[in-house]
Amino acid sequence: MRGFWSKLACALMLGGAMVAGAVAAERQVVRVGILQFGTVSWELDVMQREGFAEREGVEIRIVPLALKDAANVAIQGGEVDVIANDWIWVSRMRSEGRDYVFSPYSQAVGGVSVRPDAGIASFADLKGKRLGIAGGALDKSWLLLRAYARKTVGEDAATFVRPQFAAPPLLNELVMRGELPAAMNFWHFSARLSAAGMAELITMPQILAGLGIEDALPLVGWVFSERWARANPGAIEGFLRASAAAKDLMLASDAAWEALRPLMRAENEDTFIALREGFRAGIPRADGEDGEREAERVAARVFAILAAEGGPALVGRSDALAQGTFWRRGGAQ
């Protein structure tokens, strides 16, 4: 009898291993190209650590990249399936005959931070002062600020302030040392400045409101080939559901953030909290088909502003958001 039970136990273990192996084999691989120390890695870590991707039958393979441009090259070369980018790039690619699509990921974007001792209490106070800008002359935040300046103070920000373009870490360092009175940086660098006692002069939602756009706008999203998505519907929809589940947890649970501390590289508790709350503030609240349509409608309005400011160098051949830029569940529209 003992031999019978031993054989039965072995058979059950073998059967369980075979089932587990079959389930693992059925998981669809999604290769995600991300900046090695970027904030996108936080959500991907939660997706994997909490089992959200596995639950959806998806195996995420991280492909670390050194530069943002490397992500664009990687997806065009077929080295990755998904990257994080904006709908401006996607629209430009579609106008050139490519088939990339955009699914909203975050509406977090930086604003203008100022030193508390700089004597700058309003945008008008920036006149003639140096303003550090991350991302270069075609950065979307800078272009929107230029449009905002024309509307609010009657002058292009390019002449209203003294723009100084530099890498995000250097801008923060210059502000902290008192060598720059103000900077327009990416959201996570702005969060670090806020934690260090710098004042937030103007946010992107305020800039957009000044341009007549009151609705929230997701600027960064998951970008992938429409052809690949249609050929692998389980992979992309499972990935997007896992992404949404991770966001829900990160929004609701402080405990979920504790495991992310090493990735966040926060110098102190104030910085950790500023980064956590900045990420949360950027999580899109709109959901479902209506939310997707609204996001696309707002993006089309902002695209028109950016096209007027940045021209073909930014948006390419089209002066309107390319049809099908936004992916909707079941396909681009």
C-alpha atoms as a PDB file:
ATOM      1  CA  MET A   1       0.000   0.000   0.000  1.00  0.00           C
ATOM      2  CA  ARG A   2       2.848   2.342   0.857  1.00  0.00           C
ATOM      3  CA  GLY A   3       4.269   1.765  -2.609  1.00  0.00           C
ATOM      4  CA  PHE A   4       0.938   2.652  -4.188  1.00  0.00           C
ATOM      5  CA  TRP A   5       0.726   5.994  -2.371  1.00  0.00           C
ATOM      6  CA  SER A   6       4.343   6.790  -3.228  1.00  0.00           C
ATOM      7  CA  LYS A   7       3.662   6.138  -6.904  1.00  0.00           C
ATOM      8  CA  LEU A   8       0.485   8.219  -6.763  1.00  0.00           C
ATOM      9  CA  ALA A   9       2.338  11.128  -5.150  1.00  0.00           C
ATOM     10  CA  CYS A  10       5.042  10.952  -7.807  1.00  0.00           C
ATOM     11  CA  ALA A  11       2.432  10.858 -10.552  1.00  0.00           C
ATOM     12  CA  LEU A  12       0.659  13.905  -9.123  1.00  0.00           C
ATOM     13  CA  MET A  13       3.938  15.804  -8.820  1.00  0.00           C
ATOM     14  CA  LEU A  14       4.877  14.910 -12.376  1.00  0.00           C
ATOM     15  CA  GLY A  15       1.443  15.899 -13.623  1.00  0.00           C
ATOM     16  CA  GLY A  16       1.622  19.205 -11.776  1.00  0.00           C
ATOM     17  CA  ALA A  17       5.044  19.905 -13.225  1.00  0.00           C
ATOM     18  CA  MET A  18       3.771  19.142 -16.717  1.00  0.00           C
ATOM     19  CA  VAL A  19       0.804  21.489 -16.268  1.00  0.00           C
ATOM     20  CA  ALA A  20       3.041  24.231 -14.880  1.00  0.00           C
ATOM     21  CA  GLY A  21       5.404  23.735 -17.801  1.00  0.00           C
ATOM     22  CA  ALA A  22       2.545  23.926 -20.265  1.00  0.00           C
ATOM     23  CA  VAL A  23       1.236  27.134 -18.674  1.00  0.00           C
ATOM     24  CA  ALA A  24       4.709  28.661 -18.791  1.00  0.00           C
ATOM     25  CA  ALA A  25       5.065  27.613 -22.409  1.00  0.00           C
ATOM     26  CA  GLU A  26       1.772  29.280 -23.262  1.00  0.00           C
ATOM     27  CA  ARG A  27       2.839  32.636 -21.855  1.00  0.00           C
ATOM     28  CA  GLN A  28       3.282  35.196 -24.579  1.00  0.00           C
ATOM     29  CA  VAL A  29       6.547  37.092 -24.486  1.00  0.00           C
ATOM     30  CA  VAL A  30       6.486  40.891 -24.649  1.00  0.00           C
ATOM     31  CA  ARG A  31       9.898  42.533 -25.043  1.00  0.00           C
ATOM     32  CA  VAL A  32       9.831  45.992 -23.476  1.00  0.00           C
ATOM     33  CA  GLY A  33      12.601  48.481 -24.190  1.00  0.00           C
ATOM     34  CA  ILE A  34      13.094  50.965 -21.360  1.00  0.00           C
ATOM     35  CA  LEU A  35      15.682  53.432 -20.152  1.00  0.00           C
ATOM     36  CA  GLN A  36      17.765  51.651 -17.560  1.00  0.00           C
ATOM     37  CA  PHE A  37      17.050  54.154 -14.788  1.00  0.00           C
ATOM     38  CA  GLY A  38      13.745  55.530 -16.074  1.00  0.00           C
ATOM     39  CA  THR A  39      10.517  55.777 -14.101  1.00  0.00           C
ATOM     40  CA  VAL A  40       8.782  53.297 -16.430  1.00  0.00           C
ATOM     41  CA  SER A  41      10.836  50.559 -14.759  1.00  0.00           C
ATOM     42  CA  TRP A  42       8.898  51.144 -11.531  1.00  0.00           C
ATOM     43  CA  GLU A  43       5.601  50.022 -13.008  1.00  0.00           C
ATOM     44  CA  LEU A  44       7.170  47.107 -14.854  1.00  0.00           C
ATOM     45  CA  ASP A  45       8.721  45.950 -11.589  1.00  0.00           C
ATOM     46  CA  VAL A  46       5.286  45.952  -9.932  1.00  0.00           C
ATOM     47  CA  MET A  47       3.751  44.146 -12.913  1.00  0.00           C
ATOM     48  CA  GLN A  48       6.276  41.351 -12.527  1.00  0.00           C
ATOM     49  CA  ARG A  49       6.743  41.245  -8.753  1.00  0.00           C
ATOM     50  CA  GLU A  50       3.019  41.181  -7.989  1.00  0.00           C
ATOM     51  CA  GLY A  51       2.322  38.573 -10.667  1.00  0.00           C
ATOM     52  CA  PHE A  52       0.022  40.780 -12.748  1.00  0.00           C
ATOM     53  CA  ALA A  53       1.786  39.909 -16.000  1.00  0.00           C
ATOM     54  CA  GLU A  54       1.899  36.195 -15.177  1.00  0.00           C
ATOM     55  CA  ARG A  55      -1.809  36.234 -14.331  1.00  0.00           C
ATOM     56  CA  GLU A  56      -2.488  37.607 -17.816  1.00  0.00           C
ATOM     57  CA  GLY A  57      -0.393  34.918 -19.456  1.00  0.00           C
ATOM     58  CA  VAL A  58       2.363  37.363 -20.375  1.00  0.00           C
ATOM     59  CA  GLU A  59       6.097  37.071 -19.841  1.00  0.00           C
ATOM     60  CA  ILE A  60       7.764  40.488 -19.798  1.00  0.00           C
ATOM     61  CA  ARG A  61      11.348  40.593 -20.978  1.00  0.00           C
ATOM     62  CA  ILE A  62      13.063  43.857 -20.128  1.00  0.00           C
ATOM     63  CA  VAL A  63      15.499  45.216 -22.702  1.00  0.00           C
ATOM     64  CA  PRO A  64      17.517  47.978 -20.967  1.00  0.00           C
ATOM     65  CA  LEU A  65      18.455  50.932 -23.148  1.00  0.00           C
ATOM     66  CA  ALA A  66      20.871  53.780 -22.537  1.00  0.00           C
ATOM     67  CA  LEU A  67      19.120  56.606 -24.405  1.00  0.00           C
ATOM     68  CA  LYS A  68      15.574  57.549 -25.407  1.00  0.00           C
ATOM     69  CA  ASP A  69      16.571  57.549 -29.081  1.00  0.00           C
ATOM     70  CA  ALA A  70      17.806  53.984 -28.628  1.00  0.00           C
ATOM     71  CA  ALA A  71      14.231  52.937 -27.844  1.00  0.00           C
ATOM     72  CA  ASN A  72      13.006  54.366 -31.141  1.00  0.00           C
ATOM     73  CA  VAL A  73      15.762  52.564 -33.010  1.00  0.00           C
ATOM     74  CA  ALA A  74      15.109  49.308 -31.147  1.00  0.00           C
ATOM     75  CA  ILE A  75      11.404  49.157 -31.952  1.00  0.00           C
ATOM     76  CA  GLN A  76      11.974  50.090 -35.589  1.00  0.00           C
ATOM     77  CA  GLY A  77      14.615  47.386 -35.823  1.00  0.00           C
ATOM     78  CA  GLY A  78      12.340  44.734 -34.322  1.00  0.00           C
ATOM     79  CA  GLU A  79      14.521  44.297 -31.236  1.00  0.00           C
ATOM     80  CA  VAL A  80      11.645  45.116 -28.866  1.00  0.00           C
ATOM     81  CA  ASP A  81       7.860  44.952 -29.041  1.00  0.00           C
ATOM     82  CA  VAL A  82       6.917  47.866 -26.779  1.00  0.00           C
ATOM     83  CA  ILE A  83       8.529  51.151 -25.733  1.00  0.00           C
ATOM     84  CA  ALA A  84       7.384  54.268 -23.892  1.00  0.00           C
ATOM     85  CA  ASN A  85       7.082  57.375 -26.060  1.00  0.00           C
ATOM     86  CA  ASP A  86       4.633  60.162 -26.860  1.00  0.00           C
ATOM     87  CA  TRP A  87       1.812  60.360 -29.394  1.00  0.00           C
ATOM     88  CA  ILE A  88       3.666  63.094 -31.272  1.00  0.00           C
ATOM     89  CA  TRP A  89       6.323  60.603 -32.348  1.00  0.00           C
ATOM     90  CA  VAL A  90       3.665  58.002 -33.153  1.00  0.00           C
ATOM     91  CA  SER A  91       1.685  60.449 -35.287  1.00  0.00           C
ATOM     92  CA  ARG A  92       4.836  61.449 -37.141  1.00  0.00           C
ATOM     93  CA  MET A  93       5.702  57.817 -37.826  1.00  0.00           C
ATOM     94  CA  ARG A  94       2.187  57.090 -39.084  1.00  0.00           C
ATOM     95  CA  SER A  95       2.333  60.094 -41.411  1.00  0.00           C
ATOM     96  CA  GLU A  96       5.482  58.498 -42.857  1.00  0.00           C
ATOM     97  CA  GLY A  97       3.760  55.179 -43.455  1.00  0.00           C
ATOM     98  CA  ARG A  98       4.705  53.339 -40.249  1.00  0.00           C
ATOM     99  CA  ASP A  99       2.062  51.526 -38.226  1.00  0.00           C
ATOM    100  CA  TYR A 100       2.903  52.427 -34.614  1.00  0.00           C
ATOM    101  CA  VAL A 101       0.114  53.101 -32.136  1.00  0.00           C
ATOM    102  CA  PHE A 102      -0.112  54.733 -28.714  1.00  0.00           C
ATOM    103  CA  SER A 103      -1.845  53.538 -25.536  1.00  0.00           C
ATOM    104  CA  PRO A 104      -1.860  56.118 -22.676  1.00  0.00           C
ATOM    105  CA  TYR A 105       0.535  55.396 -19.823  1.00  0.00           C
ATOM    106  CA  SER A 106       1.055  58.648 -17.917  1.00  0.00           C
ATOM    107  CA  GLN A 107       0.056  62.288 -17.900  1.00  0.00           C
ATOM    108  CA  ALA A 108       2.949  63.232 -15.608  1.00  0.00           C
ATOM    109  CA  VAL A 109       5.010  66.023 -17.094  1.00  0.00           C
ATOM    110  CA  GLY A 110       7.246  68.633 -15.565  1.00  0.00           C
ATOM    111  CA  GLY A 111       6.598  72.297 -15.011  1.00  0.00           C
ATOM    112  CA  VAL A 112       8.644  75.354 -14.108  1.00  0.00           C
ATOM    113  CA  SER A 113      10.441  75.255 -10.751  1.00  0.00           C
ATOM    114  CA  VAL A 114      12.042  78.347  -9.217  1.00  0.00           C
ATOM    115  CA  ARG A 115      14.381  79.059  -6.358  1.00  0.00           C
ATOM    116  CA  PRO A 116      12.500  80.584  -3.399  1.00  0.00           C
ATOM    117  CA  ASP A 117      15.105  83.357  -3.197  1.00  0.00           C
ATOM    118  CA  ALA A 118      14.869  84.274  -6.904  1.00  0.00           C
ATOM    119  CA  GLY A 119      12.078  86.835  -6.492  1.00  0.00           C
ATOM    120  CA  ILE A 120       9.885  85.046  -9.025  1.00  0.00           C
ATOM    121  CA  ALA A 121       6.239  84.846  -7.969  1.00  0.00           C
ATOM    122  CA  SER A 122       4.525  84.756 -11.361  1.00  0.00           C
ATOM    123  CA  PHE A 123       5.304  83.878 -14.949  1.00  0.00           C
ATOM    124  CA  ALA A 124       5.654  87.588 -15.739  1.00  0.00           C
ATOM    125  CA  ASP A 125       8.521  87.746 -13.221  1.00  0.00           C
ATOM    126  CA  LEU A 126      10.582  85.460 -15.468  1.00  0.00           C
ATOM    127  CA  LYS A 127      11.071  88.263 -18.001  1.00  0.00           C
ATOM    128  CA  GLY A 128      14.740  88.612 -18.875  1.00  0.00           C
ATOM    129  CA  LYS A 129      15.790  85.834 -16.507  1.00  0.00           C
ATOM    130  CA  ARG A 130      17.558  82.605 -17.383  1.00  0.00           C
ATOM    131  CA  LEU A 131      15.301  79.566 -17.634  1.00  0.00           C
ATOM    132  CA  GLY A 132      16.853  76.136 -17.823  1.00  0.00           C
ATOM    133  CA  ILE A 133      15.064  73.786 -20.226  1.00  0.00           C
ATOM    134  CA  ALA A 134      15.409  70.012 -20.521  1.00  0.00           C
ATOM    135  CA  GLY A 135      14.848  68.167 -23.762  1.00  0.00           C
ATOM    136  CA  GLY A 136      16.066  70.677 -26.307  1.00  0.00           C
ATOM    137  CA  ALA A 137      14.431  73.336 -28.458  1.00  0.00           C
ATOM    138  CA  LEU A 138      11.763  70.919 -29.736  1.00  0.00           C
ATOM    139  CA  ASP A 139      10.740  69.647 -26.316  1.00  0.00           C
ATOM    140  CA  LYS A 140       6.932  69.618 -26.181  1.00  0.00           C
ATOM    141  CA  SER A 141       6.782  71.289 -22.753  1.00  0.00           C
ATOM    142  CA  TRP A 142       8.969  74.148 -23.944  1.00  0.00           C
ATOM    143  CA  LEU A 143       6.930  74.600 -27.117  1.00  0.00           C
ATOM    144  CA  LEU A 144       3.703  74.716 -25.113  1.00  0.00           C
ATOM    145  CA  LEU A 145       5.285  77.271 -22.780  1.00  0.00           C
ATOM    146  CA  ARG A 146       6.158  79.405 -25.802  1.00  0.00           C
ATOM    147  CA  ALA A 147       2.531  79.299 -26.935  1.00  0.00           C
ATOM    148  CA  TYR A 148       1.383  80.035 -23.380  1.00  0.00           C
ATOM    149  CA  ALA A 149       3.688  83.066 -23.186  1.00  0.00           C
ATOM    150  CA  ARG A 150       2.305  84.487 -26.416  1.00  0.00           C
ATOM    151  CA  LYS A 151      -1.200  84.210 -25.046  1.00  0.00           C
ATOM    152  CA  THR A 152      -0.537  85.493 -21.520  1.00  0.00           C
ATOM    153  CA  VAL A 153       2.256  88.067 -21.823  1.00  0.00           C
ATOM    154  CA  GLY A 154       2.091  88.738 -25.563  1.00  0.00           C
ATOM    155  CA  GLU A 155       5.624  87.560 -26.315  1.00  0.00           C
ATOM    156  CA  ASP A 156       7.305  84.324 -27.342  1.00  0.00           C
ATOM    157  CA  ALA A 157       8.979  82.711 -24.333  1.00  0.00           C
ATOM    158  CA  ALA A 158      12.087  82.278 -26.493  1.00  0.00           C
ATOM    159  CA  THR A 159      12.629  86.044 -26.253  1.00  0.00           C
ATOM    160  CA  PHE A 160      10.722  86.702 -23.019  1.00  0.00           C
ATOM    161  CA  VAL A 161      13.192  84.588 -21.020  1.00  0.00           C
ATOM    162  CA  ARG A 162      16.809  83.640 -21.641  1.00  0.00           C
ATOM    163  CA  PRO A 163      16.536  79.922 -22.428  1.00  0.00           C
ATOM    164  CA  GLN A 164      19.397  77.672 -21.435  1.00  0.00           C
ATOM    165  CA  PHE A 165      19.160  74.088 -22.689  1.00  0.00           C
ATOM    166  CA  ALA A 166      20.891  71.372 -20.706  1.00  0.00           C
ATOM    167  CA  ALA A 167      20.579  67.771 -19.552  1.00  0.00           C
ATOM    168  CA  PRO A 168      18.026  67.229 -16.761  1.00  0.00           C
ATOM    169  CA  PRO A 169      20.534  66.305 -14.008  1.00  0.00           C
ATOM    170  CA  LEU A 170      22.690  69.334 -14.817  1.00  0.00           C
ATOM    171  CA  LEU A 171      19.690  71.665 -14.693  1.00  0.00           C
ATOM    172  CA  ASN A 172      18.801  70.446 -11.219  1.00  0.00           C
ATOM    173  CA  GLU A 173      22.391  70.867 -10.095  1.00  0.00           C
ATOM    174  CA  LEU A 174      22.547  74.436 -11.427  1.00  0.00           C
ATOM    175  CA  VAL A 175      19.290  75.361  -9.695  1.00  0.00           C
ATOM    176  CA  MET A 176      20.426  73.824  -6.412  1.00  0.00           C
ATOM    177  CA  ARG A 177      23.729  75.709  -6.586  1.00  0.00           C
ATOM    178  CA  GLY A 178      21.935  78.983  -7.244  1.00  0.00           C
ATOM    179  CA  GLU A 179      23.406  79.357 -10.726  1.00  0.00           C
ATOM    180  CA  LEU A 180      19.962  79.168 -12.354  1.00  0.00           C
ATOM    181  CA  PRO A 181      16.892  80.889 -10.907  1.00  0.00           C
ATOM    182  CA  ALA A 182      14.399  78.613 -12.672  1.00  0.00           C
ATOM    183  CA  ALA A 183      14.162  75.415 -14.691  1.00  0.00           C
ATOM    184  CA  MET A 184      11.615  73.550 -16.780  1.00  0.00           C
ATOM    185  CA  ASN A 185      12.509  69.919 -16.236  1.00  0.00           C
ATOM    186  CA  PHE A 186      10.994  66.464 -16.625  1.00  0.00           C
ATOM    187  CA  TRP A 187       8.502  65.562 -13.910  1.00  0.00           C
ATOM    188  CA  HIS A 188      10.740  63.344 -11.770  1.00  0.00           C
ATOM    189  CA  PHE A 189      13.509  65.946 -11.771  1.00  0.00           C
ATOM    190  CA  SER A 190      10.960  68.620 -10.871  1.00  0.00           C
ATOM    191  CA  ALA A 191       9.786  66.384  -8.017  1.00  0.00           C
ATOM    192  CA  ARG A 192      13.334  66.238  -6.675  1.00  0.00           C
ATOM    193  CA  LEU A 193      13.569  70.025  -6.810  1.00  0.00           C
ATOM    194  CA  SER A 194      10.275  70.323  -4.965  1.00  0.00           C
ATOM    195  CA  ALA A 195      11.529  67.972  -2.250  1.00  0.00           C
ATOM    196  CA  ALA A 196      14.637  70.151  -1.943  1.00  0.00           C
ATOM    197  CA  GLY A 197      12.546  73.253  -1.248  1.00  0.00           C
ATOM    198  CA  MET A 198      12.200  74.766  -4.706  1.00  0.00           C
ATOM    199  CA  ALA A 199       8.846  76.362  -5.555  1.00  0.00           C
ATOM    200  CA  GLU A 200       6.545  75.221  -8.331  1.00  0.00           C
ATOM    201  CA  LEU A 201       5.827  78.292 -10.449  1.00  0.00           C
ATOM    202  CA  ILE A 202       3.602  76.783 -13.116  1.00  0.00           C
ATOM    203  CA  THR A 203       2.489  73.247 -13.939  1.00  0.00           C
ATOM    204  CA  MET A 204       1.688  71.721 -17.310  1.00  0.00           C
ATOM    205  CA  PRO A 205      -2.059  71.547 -16.505  1.00  0.00           C
ATOM    206  CA  GLN A 206      -1.917  75.307 -15.832  1.00  0.00           C
ATOM    207  CA  ILE A 207      -0.073  75.905 -19.097  1.00  0.00           C
ATOM    208  CA  LEU A 208      -2.667  73.878 -20.990  1.00  0.00           C
ATOM    209  CA  ALA A 209      -5.498  75.689 -19.202  1.00  0.00           C
ATOM    210  CA  GLY A 210      -3.960  78.975 -20.309  1.00  0.00           C
ATOM    211  CA  LEU A 211      -4.187  77.655 -23.856  1.00  0.00           C
ATOM    212  CA  GLY A 212      -7.861  76.819 -23.412  1.00  0.00           C
ATOM    213  CA  ILE A 213      -7.406  73.102 -22.704  1.00  0.00           C
ATOM    214  CA  GLU A 214      -8.864  72.137 -19.345  1.00  0.00           C
ATOM    215  CA  ASP A 215      -8.877  68.359 -19.787  1.00  0.00           C
ATOM    216  CA  ALA A 216      -6.138  66.033 -18.585  1.00  0.00           C
ATOM    217  CA  LEU A 217      -3.768  64.914 -21.310  1.00  0.00           C
ATOM    218  CA  PRO A 218      -1.707  61.701 -21.277  1.00  0.00           C
ATOM    219  CA  LEU A 219       1.542  62.650 -22.975  1.00  0.00           C
ATOM    220  CA  VAL A 220       3.461  59.392 -22.550  1.00  0.00           C
ATOM    221  CA  GLY A 221       2.201  55.964 -23.503  1.00  0.00           C
ATOM    222  CA  TRP A 222       3.050  52.434 -24.490  1.00  0.00           C
ATOM    223  CA  VAL A 223       3.999  52.388 -28.163  1.00  0.00           C
ATOM    224  CA  PHE A 224       3.937  49.297 -30.356  1.00  0.00           C
ATOM    225  CA  SER A 225       3.332  48.163 -33.921  1.00  0.00           C
ATOM    226  CA  GLU A 226      -0.323  47.840 -34.864  1.00  0.00           C
ATOM    227  CA  ARG A 227       0.544  44.871 -37.066  1.00  0.00           C
ATOM    228  CA  TRP A 228       2.325  43.139 -34.169  1.00  0.00           C
ATOM    229  CA  ALA A 229      -0.619  43.868 -31.845  1.00  0.00           C
ATOM    230  CA  ARG A 230      -3.148  42.416 -34.265  1.00  0.00           C
ATOM    231  CA  ALA A 231      -0.989  39.318 -34.695  1.00  0.00           C
ATOM    232  CA  ASN A 232      -0.557  38.975 -30.922  1.00  0.00           C
ATOM    233  CA  PRO A 233      -3.820  40.217 -29.364  1.00  0.00           C
ATOM    234  CA  GLY A 234      -3.409  38.140 -26.214  1.00  0.00           C
ATOM    235  CA  ALA A 235       0.067  39.533 -25.624  1.00  0.00           C
ATOM    236  CA  ILE A 236      -0.789  43.223 -25.984  1.00  0.00           C
ATOM    237  CA  GLU A 237      -4.153  43.117 -24.224  1.00  0.00           C
ATOM    238  CA  GLY A 238      -2.690  41.032 -21.405  1.00  0.00           C
ATOM    239  CA  PHE A 239       0.208  43.453 -21.110  1.00  0.00           C
ATOM    240  CA  LEU A 240      -2.107  46.483 -20.989  1.00  0.00           C
ATOM    241  CA  ARG A 241      -4.349  44.843 -18.380  1.00  0.00           C
ATOM    242  CA  ALA A 242      -1.294  44.034 -16.257  1.00  0.00           C
ATOM    243  CA  SER A 243      -0.156  47.646 -16.640  1.00  0.00           C
ATOM    244  CA  ALA A 244      -3.551  48.901 -15.445  1.00  0.00           C
ATOM    245  CA  ALA A 245      -3.513  46.519 -12.469  1.00  0.00           C
ATOM    246  CA  ALA A 246      -0.053  47.740 -11.466  1.00  0.00           C
ATOM    247  CA  LYS A 247      -1.200  51.361 -11.630  1.00  0.00           C
ATOM    248  CA  ASP A 248      -4.237  50.586  -9.479  1.00  0.00           C
ATOM    249  CA  LEU A 249      -2.004  49.055  -6.820  1.00  0.00           C
ATOM    250  CA  MET A 250       0.561  51.869  -6.978  1.00  0.00           C
ATOM    251  CA  LEU A 251      -2.237  54.395  -6.598  1.00  0.00           C
ATOM    252  CA  ALA A 252      -3.842  52.690  -3.611  1.00  0.00           C
ATOM    253  CA  SER A 253      -0.990  51.110  -1.659  1.00  0.00           C
ATOM    254  CA  ASP A 254       1.941  52.849   0.029  1.00  0.00           C
ATOM    255  CA  ALA A 255       3.344  49.409   0.862  1.00  0.00           C
ATOM    256  CA  ALA A 256       3.708  48.614  -2.839  1.00  0.00           C
ATOM    257  CA  TRP A 257       6.222  51.434  -3.101  1.00  0.00           C
ATOM    258  CA  GLU A 258       8.574  50.171  -0.408  1.00  0.00           C
ATOM    259  CA  ALA A 259      10.048  47.519  -2.691  1.00  0.00           C
ATOM    260  CA  LEU A 260      10.649  50.216  -5.328  1.00  0.00           C
ATOM    261  CA  ARG A 261      12.999  52.304  -3.175  1.00  0.00           C
ATOM    262  CA  PRO A 262      16.201  50.900  -4.742  1.00  0.00           C
ATOM    263  CA  LEU A 263      14.918  51.658  -8.255  1.00  0.00           C
ATOM    264  CA  MET A 264      13.798  55.159  -7.293  1.00  0.00           C
ATOM    265  CA  ARG A 265      17.199  56.165  -5.894  1.00  0.00           C
ATOM    266  CA  ALA A 266      15.630  58.765  -3.613  1.00  0.00           C
ATOM    267  CA  GLU A 267      18.213  60.599  -1.526  1.00  0.00           C
ATOM    268  CA  ASN A 268      15.851  61.037   1.419  1.00  0.00           C
ATOM    269  CA  GLU A 269      12.270  60.470   2.557  1.00  0.00           C
ATOM    270  CA  ASP A 270      11.022  63.798   1.191  1.00  0.00           C
ATOM    271  CA  THR A 271      12.328  62.917  -2.264  1.00  0.00           C
ATOM    272  CA  PHE A 272      10.836  59.427  -2.058  1.00  0.00           C
ATOM    273  CA  ILE A 273       7.408  60.857  -1.216  1.00  0.00           C
ATOM    274  CA  ALA A 274       7.650  63.532  -3.924  1.00  0.00           C
ATOM    275  CA  LEU A 275       8.477  60.896  -6.540  1.00  0.00           C
ATOM    276  CA  ARG A 276       5.726  58.574  -5.350  1.00  0.00           C
ATOM    277  CA  GLU A 277       3.075  61.282  -5.343  1.00  0.00           C
ATOM    278  CA  GLY A 278       4.279  62.688  -8.665  1.00  0.00           C
ATOM    279  CA  PHE A 279       3.909  59.278 -10.275  1.00  0.00           C
ATOM    280  CA  ARG A 280       0.454  58.854  -8.775  1.00  0.00           C
ATOM    281  CA  ALA A 281      -0.661  62.262 -10.004  1.00  0.00           C
ATOM    282  CA  GLY A 282       0.298  61.209 -13.514  1.00  0.00           C
ATOM    283  CA  ILE A 283      -1.826  58.062 -13.609  1.00  0.00           C
ATOM    284  CA  PRO A 284      -4.610  58.639 -16.165  1.00  0.00           C
ATOM    285  CA  ARG A 285      -8.039  58.476 -14.551  1.00  0.00           C
ATOM    286  CA  ALA A 286     -10.078  58.217 -17.748  1.00  0.00           C
ATOM    287  CA  ASP A 287     -10.999  54.647 -18.548  1.00  0.00           C
ATOM    288  CA  GLY A 288     -12.944  52.725 -21.138  1.00  0.00           C
ATOM    289  CA  GLU A 289     -13.757  53.684 -24.697  1.00  0.00           C
ATOM    290  CA  ASP A 290     -15.144  57.102 -23.747  1.00  0.00           C
ATOM    291  CA  GLY A 291     -11.940  57.942 -21.880  1.00  0.00           C
ATOM    292  CA  GLU A 292      -9.828  56.846 -24.829  1.00  0.00           C
ATOM    293  CA  ARG A 293     -11.843  58.969 -27.245  1.00  0.00           C
ATOM    294  CA  GLU A 294     -11.574  61.988 -24.950  1.00  0.00           C
ATOM    295  CA  ALA A 295      -7.797  61.578 -24.634  1.00  0.00           C
ATOM    296  CA  GLU A 296      -7.472  61.421 -28.412  1.00  0.00           C
ATOM    297  CA  ARG A 297      -9.676  64.493 -28.846  1.00  0.00           C
ATOM    298  CA  VAL A 298      -7.541  66.517 -26.424  1.00  0.00           C
ATOM    299  CA  ALA A 299      -4.336  65.230 -28.030  1.00  0.00           C
ATOM    300  CA  ALA A 300      -5.561  66.409 -31.437  1.00  0.00           C
ATOM    301  CA  ARG A 301      -6.056  69.934 -30.072  1.00  0.00           C
ATOM    302  CA  VAL A 302      -2.621  70.002 -28.451  1.00  0.00           C
ATOM    303  CA  PHE A 303      -1.049  68.534 -31.591  1.00  0.00           C
ATOM    304  CA  ALA A 304      -2.318  71.526 -33.572  1.00  0.00           C
ATOM    305  CA  ILE A 305      -0.586  73.881 -31.119  1.00  0.00           C
ATOM    306  CA  LEU A 306       2.648  71.905 -31.244  1.00  0.00           C
ATOM    307  CA  ALA A 307       2.545  71.751 -35.038  1.00  0.00           C
ATOM    308  CA  ALA A 308       2.263  75.537 -35.165  1.00  0.00           C
ATOM    309  CA  GLU A 309       5.171  75.951 -32.736  1.00  0.00           C
ATOM    310  CA  GLY A 310       7.529  73.159 -33.770  1.00  0.00           C
ATOM    311  CA  GLY A 311       6.667  72.727 -37.440  1.00  0.00           C
ATOM    312  CA  PRO A 312       7.770  69.756 -39.568  1.00  0.00           C
ATOM    313  CA  ALA A 313      10.928  69.303 -37.489  1.00  0.00           C
ATOM    314  CA  LEU A 314       8.684  68.083 -34.671  1.00  0.00           C
ATOM    315  CA  VAL A 315       5.542  66.643 -36.227  1.00  0.00           C
ATOM    316  CA  GLY A 316       6.719  65.654 -39.697  1.00  0.00           C
ATOM    317  CA  ARG A 317       4.581  65.971 -42.804  1.00  0.00           C
ATOM    318  CA  SER A 318       1.180  66.238 -41.157  1.00  0.00           C
ATOM    319  CA  ASP A 319      -0.259  69.293 -39.428  1.00  0.00           C
ATOM    320  CA  ALA A 320      -2.970  67.166 -37.756  1.00  0.00           C
ATOM    321  CA  LEU A 321      -2.827  64.119 -35.508  1.00  0.00           C
ATOM    322  CA  ALA A 322      -2.547  61.100 -37.796  1.00  0.00           C
ATOM    323  CA  GLN A 323      -5.587  58.860 -37.954  1.00  0.00           C
ATOM    324  CA  GLY A 324      -5.177  55.703 -35.889  1.00  0.00           C
ATOM    325  CA  THR A 325      -2.510  57.168 -33.586  1.00  0.00           C
ATOM    326  CA  PHE A 326      -4.374  56.025 -30.459  1.00  0.00           C
ATOM    327  CA  TRP A 327      -4.846  52.312 -29.886  1.00  0.00           C
ATOM    328  CA  ARG A 328      -8.220  51.253 -28.632  1.00  0.00           C
ATOM    329  CA  ARG A 329      -9.017  47.879 -27.174  1.00  0.00           C
ATOM    330  CA  GLY A 330      -9.589  45.707 -30.193  1.00  0.00           C
ATOM    331  CA  GLY A 331      -7.480  47.918 -32.469  1.00  0.00           C
ATOM    332  CA  ALA A 332      -6.512  51.438 -33.496  1.00  0.00           C
ATOM    333  CA  GLN A 333      -9.291  53.742 -34.638  1.00  0.00           C
END
